[in-house]
Amino acid sequence: MGKAAATNTTTTIDPVEAKLEQASVFAAKQQFISSTFNMGWRLAITVVVPIVAGVKIDDHFRTSPSFTLVGLMLAVFAGSAAVWSTIKQVNKAQADEASENKVSKREAKV
């Protein structure tokens, strides 16, 4: 059996393309961080407020777990809605960015 011939191929990367790729990666990281903080604040508010309100109402009316449980259920639904909304926003932003990149690449070829 013969040995396969090894080909020595080298690729060159255009410096402009490398900078554009680096900027794209930086933008993606920045979008991830801002989306994470946005979702964190939304979750904190939508979870803490109903539970604290339920505890305060229970203390006032002396109905120990009733309103706290209602607040917990509201917090679960509101938290789920906050996560869903943030995911939709991120997906829309990524789709807009992808379509914008396709248009700019077409214009660059012309």
PDB file of N, CA and C in Angstrom:
ATOM      1  N   MET A   1       0.836  -1.174   0.000  1.00  0.00           N
ATOM      2  CA  MET A   1       0.000   0.000   0.000  1.00  0.00           C
ATOM      3  C   MET A   1       0.883   1.240   0.000  1.00  0.00           C
ATOM      4  N   GLY A   2       0.487   2.232  -0.735  1.00  0.00           N
ATOM      5  CA  GLY A   2       1.272   3.454  -0.828  1.00  0.00           C
ATOM      6  C   GLY A   2       0.793   4.490   0.173  1.00  0.00           C
ATOM      7  N   LYS A   3       1.689   5.388   0.498  1.00  0.00           N
ATOM      8  CA  LYS A   3       1.326   6.470   1.408  1.00  0.00           C
ATOM      9  C   LYS A   3       0.662   7.585   0.623  1.00  0.00           C
ATOM     10  N   ALA A   4      -0.328   8.178   1.242  1.00  0.00           N
ATOM     11  CA  ALA A   4      -1.007   9.296   0.598  1.00  0.00           C
ATOM     12  C   ALA A   4      -0.089  10.502   0.601  1.00  0.00           C
ATOM     13  N   ALA A   5      -0.107  11.212  -0.489  1.00  0.00           N
ATOM     14  CA  ALA A   5       0.738  12.396  -0.594  1.00  0.00           C
ATOM     15  C   ALA A   5       0.144  13.510   0.252  1.00  0.00           C
ATOM     16  N   ALA A   6       0.994  14.056   1.079  1.00  0.00           N
ATOM     17  CA  ALA A   6       0.552  15.153   1.936  1.00  0.00           C
ATOM     18  C   ALA A   6       0.727  16.457   1.177  1.00  0.00           C
ATOM     19  N   THR A   7      -0.322  17.240   1.174  1.00  0.00           N
ATOM     20  CA  THR A   7      -0.234  18.533   0.510  1.00  0.00           C
ATOM     21  C   THR A   7      -0.063  19.601   1.564  1.00  0.00           C
ATOM     22  N   ASN A   8       0.810  20.489   1.287  1.00  0.00           N
ATOM     23  CA  ASN A   8       1.089  21.586   2.212  1.00  0.00           C
ATOM     24  C   ASN A   8       0.324  22.806   1.715  1.00  0.00           C
ATOM     25  N   THR A   9      -0.829  23.056   2.316  1.00  0.00           N
ATOM     26  CA  THR A   9      -1.629  24.195   1.897  1.00  0.00           C
ATOM     27  C   THR A   9      -1.603  25.256   2.975  1.00  0.00           C
ATOM     28  N   THR A  10      -1.483  26.462   2.531  1.00  0.00           N
ATOM     29  CA  THR A  10      -1.534  27.583   3.466  1.00  0.00           C
ATOM     30  C   THR A  10      -2.644  28.511   3.012  1.00  0.00           C
ATOM     31  N   THR A  11      -3.335  29.066   3.962  1.00  0.00           N
ATOM     32  CA  THR A  11      -4.395  30.014   3.645  1.00  0.00           C
ATOM     33  C   THR A  11      -4.010  31.371   4.194  1.00  0.00           C
ATOM     34  N   THR A  12      -4.358  32.373   3.447  1.00  0.00           N
ATOM     35  CA  THR A  12      -4.099  33.722   3.907  1.00  0.00           C
ATOM     36  C   THR A  12      -5.421  34.368   4.274  1.00  0.00           C
ATOM     37  N   ILE A  13      -5.406  35.103   5.333  1.00  0.00           N
ATOM     38  CA  ILE A  13      -6.611  35.770   5.811  1.00  0.00           C
ATOM     39  C   ILE A  13      -6.447  37.261   5.552  1.00  0.00           C
ATOM     40  N   ASP A  14      -7.448  37.805   4.942  1.00  0.00           N
ATOM     41  CA  ASP A  14      -7.455  39.236   4.671  1.00  0.00           C
ATOM     42  C   ASP A  14      -7.537  39.985   5.995  1.00  0.00           C
ATOM     43  N   PRO A  15      -6.655  40.958   6.232  1.00  0.00           N
ATOM     44  CA  PRO A  15      -6.690  41.680   7.521  1.00  0.00           C
ATOM     45  C   PRO A  15      -8.016  42.393   7.772  1.00  0.00           C
ATOM     46  N   VAL A  16      -8.643  42.854   6.704  1.00  0.00           N
ATOM     47  CA  VAL A  16      -9.930  43.532   6.876  1.00  0.00           C
ATOM     48  C   VAL A  16     -10.984  42.526   7.330  1.00  0.00           C
ATOM     49  N   GLU A  17     -10.986  41.335   6.716  1.00  0.00           N
ATOM     50  CA  GLU A  17     -11.932  40.299   7.132  1.00  0.00           C
ATOM     51  C   GLU A  17     -11.688  39.869   8.574  1.00  0.00           C
ATOM     52  N   ALA A  18     -10.426  39.789   8.968  1.00  0.00           N
ATOM     53  CA  ALA A  18     -10.098  39.407  10.337  1.00  0.00           C
ATOM     54  C   ALA A  18     -10.631  40.436  11.327  1.00  0.00           C
ATOM     55  N   LYS A  19     -10.483  41.709  11.001  1.00  0.00           N
ATOM     56  CA  LYS A  19     -11.000  42.772  11.880  1.00  0.00           C
ATOM     57  C   LYS A  19     -12.521  42.734  11.940  1.00  0.00           C
ATOM     58  N   LEU A  20     -13.168  42.492  10.802  1.00  0.00           N
ATOM     59  CA  LEU A  20     -14.627  42.402  10.788  1.00  0.00           C
ATOM     60  C   LEU A  20     -15.113  41.217  11.616  1.00  0.00           C
ATOM     61  N   GLU A  21     -14.410  40.098  11.501  1.00  0.00           N
ATOM     62  CA  GLU A  21     -14.772  38.917  12.288  1.00  0.00           C
ATOM     63  C   GLU A  21     -14.597  39.196  13.781  1.00  0.00           C
ATOM     64  N   GLN A  22     -13.505  39.872  14.128  1.00  0.00           N
ATOM     65  CA  GLN A  22     -13.250  40.206  15.531  1.00  0.00           C
ATOM     66  C   GLN A  22     -14.326  41.157  16.060  1.00  0.00           C
ATOM     67  N   ALA A  23     -14.736  42.130  15.248  1.00  0.00           N
ATOM     68  CA  ALA A  23     -15.787  43.060  15.657  1.00  0.00           C
ATOM     69  C   ALA A  23     -17.115  42.329  15.819  1.00  0.00           C
ATOM     70  N   SER A  24     -17.370  41.359  14.943  1.00  0.00           N
ATOM     71  CA  SER A  24     -18.611  40.580  15.034  1.00  0.00           C
ATOM     72  C   SER A  24     -18.647  39.753  16.313  1.00  0.00           C
ATOM     73  N   VAL A  25     -17.531  39.152  16.663  1.00  0.00           N
ATOM     74  CA  VAL A  25     -17.458  38.358  17.900  1.00  0.00           C
ATOM     75  C   VAL A  25     -17.655  39.264  19.109  1.00  0.00           C
ATOM     76  N   PHE A  26     -17.031  40.439  19.096  1.00  0.00           N
ATOM     77  CA  PHE A  26     -17.181  41.381  20.204  1.00  0.00           C
ATOM     78  C   PHE A  26     -18.635  41.828  20.336  1.00  0.00           C
ATOM     79  N   ALA A  27     -19.291  42.094  19.206  1.00  0.00           N
ATOM     80  CA  ALA A  27     -20.696  42.515  19.236  1.00  0.00           C
ATOM     81  C   ALA A  27     -21.590  41.401  19.786  1.00  0.00           C
ATOM     82  N   ALA A  28     -21.297  40.160  19.427  1.00  0.00           N
ATOM     83  CA  ALA A  28     -22.088  39.038  19.933  1.00  0.00           C
ATOM     84  C   ALA A  28     -21.918  38.889  21.442  1.00  0.00           C
ATOM     85  N   LYS A  29     -20.683  39.038  21.926  1.00  0.00           N
ATOM     86  CA  LYS A  29     -20.444  38.963  23.374  1.00  0.00           C
ATOM     87  C   LYS A  29     -21.159  40.093  24.102  1.00  0.00           C
ATOM     88  N   GLN A  30     -21.092  41.282  23.532  1.00  0.00           N
ATOM     89  CA  GLN A  30     -21.743  42.435  24.151  1.00  0.00           C
ATOM     90  C   GLN A  30     -23.258  42.245  24.187  1.00  0.00           C
ATOM     91  N   GLN A  31     -23.825  41.693  23.112  1.00  0.00           N
ATOM     92  CA  GLN A  31     -25.264  41.440  23.087  1.00  0.00           C
ATOM     93  C   GLN A  31     -25.651  40.395  24.123  1.00  0.00           C
ATOM     94  N   PHE A  32     -24.835  39.358  24.284  1.00  0.00           N
ATOM     95  CA  PHE A  32     -25.111  38.323  25.273  1.00  0.00           C
ATOM     96  C   PHE A  32     -25.104  38.907  26.683  1.00  0.00           C
ATOM     97  N   ILE A  33     -24.111  39.728  26.991  1.00  0.00           N
ATOM     98  CA  ILE A  33     -24.004  40.310  28.332  1.00  0.00           C
ATOM     99  C   ILE A  33     -25.181  41.236  28.610  1.00  0.00           C
ATOM    100  N   SER A  34     -25.536  42.076  27.641  1.00  0.00           N
ATOM    101  CA  SER A  34     -26.653  42.999  27.879  1.00  0.00           C
ATOM    102  C   SER A  34     -27.972  42.240  28.009  1.00  0.00           C
ATOM    103  N   SER A  35     -28.158  41.187  27.225  1.00  0.00           N
ATOM    104  CA  SER A  35     -29.384  40.385  27.337  1.00  0.00           C
ATOM    105  C   SER A  35     -29.452  39.665  28.681  1.00  0.00           C
ATOM    106  N   THR A  36     -28.308  39.197  29.155  1.00  0.00           N
ATOM    107  CA  THR A  36     -28.266  38.511  30.437  1.00  0.00           C
ATOM    108  C   THR A  36     -28.628  39.458  31.573  1.00  0.00           C
ATOM    109  N   PHE A  37     -28.047  40.657  31.577  1.00  0.00           N
ATOM    110  CA  PHE A  37     -28.386  41.628  32.624  1.00  0.00           C
ATOM    111  C   PHE A  37     -29.845  42.059  32.522  1.00  0.00           C
ATOM    112  N   ASN A  38     -30.329  42.239  31.310  1.00  0.00           N
ATOM    113  CA  ASN A  38     -31.726  42.626  31.108  1.00  0.00           C
ATOM    114  C   ASN A  38     -32.664  41.563  31.679  1.00  0.00           C
ATOM    115  N   MET A  39     -32.389  40.302  31.348  1.00  0.00           N
ATOM    116  CA  MET A  39     -33.227  39.230  31.862  1.00  0.00           C
ATOM    117  C   MET A  39     -33.084  39.094  33.374  1.00  0.00           C
ATOM    118  N   GLY A  40     -31.906  39.318  33.906  1.00  0.00           N
ATOM    119  CA  GLY A  40     -31.704  39.239  35.348  1.00  0.00           C
ATOM    120  C   GLY A  40     -32.553  40.254  36.098  1.00  0.00           C
ATOM    121  N   TRP A  41     -32.556  41.497  35.615  1.00  0.00           N
ATOM    122  CA  TRP A  41     -33.373  42.522  36.273  1.00  0.00           C
ATOM    123  C   TRP A  41     -34.854  42.211  36.148  1.00  0.00           C
ATOM    124  N   ARG A  42     -35.260  41.770  34.962  1.00  0.00           N
ATOM    125  CA  ARG A  42     -36.668  41.431  34.777  1.00  0.00           C
ATOM    126  C   ARG A  42     -37.089  40.307  35.720  1.00  0.00           C
ATOM    127  N   LEU A  43     -36.261  39.278  35.814  1.00  0.00           N
ATOM    128  CA  LEU A  43     -36.591  38.167  36.704  1.00  0.00           C
ATOM    129  C   LEU A  43     -36.627  38.603  38.160  1.00  0.00           C
ATOM    130  N   ALA A  44     -35.670  39.421  38.553  1.00  0.00           N
ATOM    131  CA  ALA A  44     -35.641  39.881  39.943  1.00  0.00           C
ATOM    132  C   ALA A  44     -36.916  40.629  40.294  1.00  0.00           C
ATOM    133  N   ILE A  45     -37.328  41.509  39.422  1.00  0.00           N
ATOM    134  CA  ILE A  45     -38.527  42.299  39.704  1.00  0.00           C
ATOM    135  C   ILE A  45     -39.784  41.434  39.660  1.00  0.00           C
ATOM    136  N   THR A  46     -39.897  40.600  38.628  1.00  0.00           N
ATOM    137  CA  THR A  46     -41.129  39.821  38.473  1.00  0.00           C
ATOM    138  C   THR A  46     -41.258  38.688  39.471  1.00  0.00           C
ATOM    139  N   VAL A  47     -40.175  38.293  40.105  1.00  0.00           N
ATOM    140  CA  VAL A  47     -40.255  37.227  41.107  1.00  0.00           C
ATOM    141  C   VAL A  47     -40.382  37.805  42.517  1.00  0.00           C
ATOM    142  N   VAL A  48     -39.596  38.808  42.807  1.00  0.00           N
ATOM    143  CA  VAL A  48     -39.558  39.344  44.176  1.00  0.00           C
ATOM    144  C   VAL A  48     -40.836  40.102  44.524  1.00  0.00           C
ATOM    145  N   VAL A  49     -41.313  40.927  43.627  1.00  0.00           N
ATOM    146  CA  VAL A  49     -42.467  41.779  43.935  1.00  0.00           C
ATOM    147  C   VAL A  49     -43.718  40.969  44.302  1.00  0.00           C
ATOM    148  N   PRO A  50     -44.150  39.981  43.515  1.00  0.00           N
ATOM    149  CA  PRO A  50     -45.363  39.240  43.914  1.00  0.00           C
ATOM    150  C   PRO A  50     -45.200  38.441  45.207  1.00  0.00           C
ATOM    151  N   ILE A  51     -44.019  37.881  45.417  1.00  0.00           N
ATOM    152  CA  ILE A  51     -43.822  37.093  46.641  1.00  0.00           C
ATOM    153  C   ILE A  51     -43.820  38.000  47.865  1.00  0.00           C
ATOM    154  N   VAL A  52     -43.117  39.120  47.803  1.00  0.00           N
ATOM    155  CA  VAL A  52     -43.100  40.056  48.938  1.00  0.00           C
ATOM    156  C   VAL A  52     -44.503  40.613  49.179  1.00  0.00           C
ATOM    157  N   ALA A  53     -45.218  40.920  48.109  1.00  0.00           N
ATOM    158  CA  ALA A  53     -46.586  41.420  48.268  1.00  0.00           C
ATOM    159  C   ALA A  53     -47.466  40.357  48.923  1.00  0.00           C
ATOM    160  N   GLY A  54     -47.316  39.102  48.522  1.00  0.00           N
ATOM    161  CA  GLY A  54     -48.094  38.019  49.138  1.00  0.00           C
ATOM    162  C   GLY A  54     -47.788  37.867  50.611  1.00  0.00           C
ATOM    163  N   VAL A  55     -46.520  37.968  50.984  1.00  0.00           N
ATOM    164  CA  VAL A  55     -46.140  37.861  52.401  1.00  0.00           C
ATOM    165  C   VAL A  55     -46.718  39.022  53.197  1.00  0.00           C
ATOM    166  N   LYS A  56     -46.631  40.227  52.650  1.00  0.00           N
ATOM    167  CA  LYS A  56     -47.159  41.411  53.357  1.00  0.00           C
ATOM    168  C   LYS A  56     -48.677  41.316  53.523  1.00  0.00           C
ATOM    169  N   ILE A  57     -49.371  40.865  52.485  1.00  0.00           N
ATOM    170  CA  ILE A  57     -50.828  40.730  52.591  1.00  0.00           C
ATOM    171  C   ILE A  57     -51.181  39.647  53.609  1.00  0.00           C
ATOM    172  N   ASP A  58     -50.427  38.548  53.601  1.00  0.00           N
ATOM    173  CA  ASP A  58     -50.664  37.493  54.601  1.00  0.00           C
ATOM    174  C   ASP A  58     -50.433  38.008  56.018  1.00  0.00           C
ATOM    175  N   ASP A  59     -49.405  38.812  56.213  1.00  0.00           N
ATOM    176  CA  ASP A  59     -49.153  39.386  57.533  1.00  0.00           C
ATOM    177  C   ASP A  59     -50.289  40.312  57.958  1.00  0.00           C
ATOM    178  N   HIS A  60     -50.791  41.078  57.032  1.00  0.00           N
ATOM    179  CA  HIS A  60     -51.830  42.034  57.355  1.00  0.00           C
ATOM    180  C   HIS A  60     -53.159  41.331  57.703  1.00  0.00           C
ATOM    181  N   PHE A  61     -53.539  40.340  56.911  1.00  0.00           N
ATOM    182  CA  PHE A  61     -54.810  39.648  57.136  1.00  0.00           C
ATOM    183  C   PHE A  61     -54.680  38.380  57.974  1.00  0.00           C
ATOM    184  N   ARG A  62     -53.469  38.035  58.389  1.00  0.00           N
ATOM    185  CA  ARG A  62     -53.172  36.852  59.195  1.00  0.00           C
ATOM    186  C   ARG A  62     -53.683  35.557  58.532  1.00  0.00           C
ATOM    187  N   THR A  63     -53.421  35.471  57.234  1.00  0.00           N
ATOM    188  CA  THR A  63     -53.752  34.262  56.462  1.00  0.00           C
ATOM    189  C   THR A  63     -52.440  33.719  55.928  1.00  0.00           C
ATOM    190  N   SER A  64     -51.773  32.957  56.760  1.00  0.00           N
ATOM    191  CA  SER A  64     -50.373  32.616  56.564  1.00  0.00           C
ATOM    192  C   SER A  64     -49.954  32.226  55.145  1.00  0.00           C
ATOM    193  N   PRO A  65     -50.274  31.085  54.597  1.00  0.00           N
ATOM    194  CA  PRO A  65     -49.632  30.786  53.307  1.00  0.00           C
ATOM    195  C   PRO A  65     -50.457  31.166  52.079  1.00  0.00           C
ATOM    196  N   SER A  66     -51.670  31.619  52.246  1.00  0.00           N
ATOM    197  CA  SER A  66     -52.572  31.795  51.107  1.00  0.00           C
ATOM    198  C   SER A  66     -52.041  32.772  50.058  1.00  0.00           C
ATOM    199  N   PHE A  67     -51.860  34.024  50.447  1.00  0.00           N
ATOM    200  CA  PHE A  67     -51.430  35.038  49.480  1.00  0.00           C
ATOM    201  C   PHE A  67     -49.963  34.868  49.079  1.00  0.00           C
ATOM    202  N   THR A  68     -49.182  34.265  49.957  1.00  0.00           N
ATOM    203  CA  THR A  68     -47.793  33.982  49.593  1.00  0.00           C
ATOM    204  C   THR A  68     -47.747  32.967  48.457  1.00  0.00           C
ATOM    205  N   LEU A  69     -48.602  31.951  48.521  1.00  0.00           N
ATOM    206  CA  LEU A  69     -48.662  30.964  47.446  1.00  0.00           C
ATOM    207  C   LEU A  69     -49.198  31.570  46.151  1.00  0.00           C
ATOM    208  N   VAL A  70     -50.178  32.442  46.277  1.00  0.00           N
ATOM    209  CA  VAL A  70     -50.688  33.136  45.091  1.00  0.00           C
ATOM    210  C   VAL A  70     -49.572  33.997  44.484  1.00  0.00           C
ATOM    211  N   GLY A  71     -48.834  34.681  45.341  1.00  0.00           N
ATOM    212  CA  GLY A  71     -47.704  35.484  44.864  1.00  0.00           C
ATOM    213  C   GLY A  71     -46.637  34.631  44.199  1.00  0.00           C
ATOM    214  N   LEU A  72     -46.402  33.450  44.754  1.00  0.00           N
ATOM    215  CA  LEU A  72     -45.427  32.531  44.165  1.00  0.00           C
ATOM    216  C   LEU A  72     -45.875  32.076  42.778  1.00  0.00           C
ATOM    217  N   MET A  73     -47.170  31.752  42.640  1.00  0.00           N
ATOM    218  CA  MET A  73     -47.684  31.342  41.327  1.00  0.00           C
ATOM    219  C   MET A  73     -47.582  32.482  40.321  1.00  0.00           C
ATOM    220  N   LEU A  74     -47.933  33.682  40.777  1.00  0.00           N
ATOM    221  CA  LEU A  74     -47.786  34.847  39.888  1.00  0.00           C
ATOM    222  C   LEU A  74     -46.327  35.063  39.497  1.00  0.00           C
ATOM    223  N   ALA A  75     -45.422  34.852  40.448  1.00  0.00           N
ATOM    224  CA  ALA A  75     -44.000  35.021  40.176  1.00  0.00           C
ATOM    225  C   ALA A  75     -43.510  34.013  39.139  1.00  0.00           C
ATOM    226  N   VAL A  76     -43.993  32.777  39.227  1.00  0.00           N
ATOM    227  CA  VAL A  76     -43.594  31.758  38.254  1.00  0.00           C
ATOM    228  C   VAL A  76     -44.074  32.140  36.860  1.00  0.00           C
ATOM    229  N   PHE A  77     -45.321  32.543  36.741  1.00  0.00           N
ATOM    230  CA  PHE A  77     -45.841  32.925  35.427  1.00  0.00           C
ATOM    231  C   PHE A  77     -45.168  34.187  34.900  1.00  0.00           C
ATOM    232  N   ALA A  78     -44.971  35.172  35.751  1.00  0.00           N
ATOM    233  CA  ALA A  78     -44.328  36.411  35.320  1.00  0.00           C
ATOM    234  C   ALA A  78     -42.854  36.170  34.953  1.00  0.00           C
ATOM    235  N   GLY A  79     -42.180  35.324  35.715  1.00  0.00           N
ATOM    236  CA  GLY A  79     -40.791  34.992  35.395  1.00  0.00           C
ATOM    237  C   GLY A  79     -40.677  34.260  34.077  1.00  0.00           C
ATOM    238  N   SER A  80     -41.606  33.337  33.832  1.00  0.00           N
ATOM    239  CA  SER A  80     -41.618  32.617  32.557  1.00  0.00           C
ATOM    240  C   SER A  80     -41.873  33.577  31.398  1.00  0.00           C
ATOM    241  N   ALA A  81     -42.784  34.508  31.593  1.00  0.00           N
ATOM    242  CA  ALA A  81     -43.069  35.496  30.555  1.00  0.00           C
ATOM    243  C   ALA A  81     -41.851  36.392  30.306  1.00  0.00           C
ATOM    244  N   ALA A  82     -41.127  36.744  31.366  1.00  0.00           N
ATOM    245  CA  ALA A  82     -39.935  37.582  31.210  1.00  0.00           C
ATOM    246  C   ALA A  82     -38.850  36.855  30.425  1.00  0.00           C
ATOM    247  N   VAL A  83     -38.656  35.582  30.725  1.00  0.00           N
ATOM    248  CA  VAL A  83     -37.655  34.795  29.994  1.00  0.00           C
ATOM    249  C   VAL A  83     -38.080  34.653  28.537  1.00  0.00           C
ATOM    250  N   TRP A  84     -39.349  34.335  28.299  1.00  0.00           N
ATOM    251  CA  TRP A  84     -39.856  34.176  26.938  1.00  0.00           C
ATOM    252  C   TRP A  84     -39.679  35.469  26.145  1.00  0.00           C
ATOM    253  N   SER A  85     -40.015  36.584  26.748  1.00  0.00           N
ATOM    254  CA  SER A  85     -39.901  37.878  26.077  1.00  0.00           C
ATOM    255  C   SER A  85     -38.444  38.193  25.735  1.00  0.00           C
ATOM    256  N   THR A  86     -37.544  37.921  26.657  1.00  0.00           N
ATOM    257  CA  THR A  86     -36.128  38.195  26.412  1.00  0.00           C
ATOM    258  C   THR A  86     -35.597  37.309  25.295  1.00  0.00           C
ATOM    259  N   ILE A  87     -35.986  36.052  25.276  1.00  0.00           N
ATOM    260  CA  ILE A  87     -35.541  35.144  24.212  1.00  0.00           C
ATOM    261  C   ILE A  87     -36.063  35.610  22.859  1.00  0.00           C
ATOM    262  N   LYS A  88     -37.311  36.050  22.806  1.00  0.00           N
ATOM    263  CA  LYS A  88     -37.858  36.565  21.550  1.00  0.00           C
ATOM    264  C   LYS A  88     -37.092  37.792  21.082  1.00  0.00           C
ATOM    265  N   GLN A  89     -36.747  38.693  22.010  1.00  0.00           N
ATOM    266  CA  GLN A  89     -35.998  39.892  21.643  1.00  0.00           C
ATOM    267  C   GLN A  89     -34.615  39.545  21.102  1.00  0.00           C
ATOM    268  N   VAL A  90     -33.945  38.603  21.748  1.00  0.00           N
ATOM    269  CA  VAL A  90     -32.607  38.202  21.305  1.00  0.00           C
ATOM    270  C   VAL A  90     -32.684  37.542  19.931  1.00  0.00           C
ATOM    271  N   ASN A  91     -33.657  36.654  19.736  1.00  0.00           N
ATOM    272  CA  ASN A  91     -33.806  36.000  18.438  1.00  0.00           C
ATOM    273  C   ASN A  91     -34.104  36.999  17.332  1.00  0.00           C
ATOM    274  N   LYS A  92     -34.956  37.984  17.623  1.00  0.00           N
ATOM    275  CA  LYS A  92     -35.273  39.011  16.635  1.00  0.00           C
ATOM    276  C   LYS A  92     -34.044  39.846  16.305  1.00  0.00           C
ATOM    277  N   ALA A  93     -33.274  40.206  17.324  1.00  0.00           N
ATOM    278  CA  ALA A  93     -32.066  40.988  17.090  1.00  0.00           C
ATOM    279  C   ALA A  93     -31.050  40.211  16.258  1.00  0.00           C
ATOM    280  N   GLN A  94     -30.924  38.926  16.527  1.00  0.00           N
ATOM    281  CA  GLN A  94     -29.999  38.102  15.748  1.00  0.00           C
ATOM    282  C   GLN A  94     -30.475  37.948  14.310  1.00  0.00           C
ATOM    283  N   ALA A  95     -31.777  37.792  14.112  1.00  0.00           N
ATOM    284  CA  ALA A  95     -32.305  37.670  12.754  1.00  0.00           C
ATOM    285  C   ALA A  95     -32.114  38.975  11.984  1.00  0.00           C
ATOM    286  N   ASP A  96     -32.353  40.100  12.645  1.00  0.00           N
ATOM    287  CA  ASP A  96     -32.138  41.398  11.998  1.00  0.00           C
ATOM    288  C   ASP A  96     -30.677  41.584  11.624  1.00  0.00           C
ATOM    289  N   GLU A  97     -29.786  41.195  12.527  1.00  0.00           N
ATOM    290  CA  GLU A  97     -28.354  41.331  12.264  1.00  0.00           C
ATOM    291  C   GLU A  97     -27.917  40.417  11.121  1.00  0.00           C
ATOM    292  N   ALA A  98     -28.460  39.208  11.076  1.00  0.00           N
ATOM    293  CA  ALA A  98     -28.109  38.274  10.008  1.00  0.00           C
ATOM    294  C   ALA A  98     -28.589  38.791   8.661  1.00  0.00           C
ATOM    295  N   SER A  99     -29.805  39.322   8.596  1.00  0.00           N
ATOM    296  CA  SER A  99     -30.307  39.856   7.331  1.00  0.00           C
ATOM    297  C   SER A  99     -29.530  41.097   6.920  1.00  0.00           C
ATOM    298  N   GLU A 100     -29.121  41.897   7.897  1.00  0.00           N
ATOM    299  CA  GLU A 100     -28.319  43.085   7.603  1.00  0.00           C
ATOM    300  C   GLU A 100     -26.950  42.681   7.051  1.00  0.00           C
ATOM    301  N   ASN A 101     -26.370  41.625   7.614  1.00  0.00           N
ATOM    302  CA  ASN A 101     -25.076  41.148   7.125  1.00  0.00           C
ATOM    303  C   ASN A 101     -25.184  40.603   5.706  1.00  0.00           C
ATOM    304  N   LYS A 102     -26.285  39.917   5.383  1.00  0.00           N
ATOM    305  CA  LYS A 102     -26.479  39.391   4.030  1.00  0.00           C
ATOM    306  C   LYS A 102     -26.576  40.532   3.025  1.00  0.00           C
ATOM    307  N   VAL A 103     -27.314  41.579   3.400  1.00  0.00           N
ATOM    308  CA  VAL A 103     -27.470  42.723   2.509  1.00  0.00           C
ATOM    309  C   VAL A 103     -26.119  43.414   2.300  1.00  0.00           C
ATOM    310  N   SER A 104     -25.361  43.599   3.361  1.00  0.00           N
ATOM    311  CA  SER A 104     -24.068  44.281   3.228  1.00  0.00           C
ATOM    312  C   SER A 104     -23.072  43.446   2.431  1.00  0.00           C
ATOM    313  N   LYS A 105     -23.155  42.106   2.532  1.00  0.00           N
ATOM    314  CA  LYS A 105     -22.267  41.254   1.735  1.00  0.00           C
ATOM    315  C   LYS A 105     -22.643  41.321   0.269  1.00  0.00           C
ATOM    316  N   ARG A 106     -23.962  41.374  -0.033  1.00  0.00           N
ATOM    317  CA  ARG A 106     -24.391  41.505  -1.434  1.00  0.00           C
ATOM    318  C   ARG A 106     -23.914  42.821  -2.013  1.00  0.00           C
ATOM    319  N   GLU A 107     -24.022  43.894  -1.234  1.00  0.00           N
ATOM    320  CA  GLU A 107     -23.592  45.206  -1.708  1.00  0.00           C
ATOM    321  C   GLU A 107     -22.083  45.238  -1.922  1.00  0.00           C
ATOM    322  N   ALA A 108     -21.347  44.522  -1.092  1.00  0.00           N
ATOM    323  CA  ALA A 108     -19.891  44.495  -1.225  1.00  0.00           C
ATOM    324  C   ALA A 108     -19.479  43.757  -2.492  1.00  0.00           C
ATOM    325  N   LYS A 109     -20.250  42.729  -2.890  1.00  0.00           N
ATOM    326  CA  LYS A 109     -19.925  41.976  -4.108  1.00  0.00           C
ATOM    327  C   LYS A 109     -20.223  42.784  -5.357  1.00  0.00           C
ATOM    328  N   VAL A 110     -21.205  43.662  -5.303  1.00  0.00           N
ATOM    329  CA  VAL A 110     -21.595  44.446  -6.468  1.00  0.00           C
ATOM    330  C   VAL A 110     -20.668  45.567  -6.664  1.00  0.00           C
TER     331      VAL A 110
END
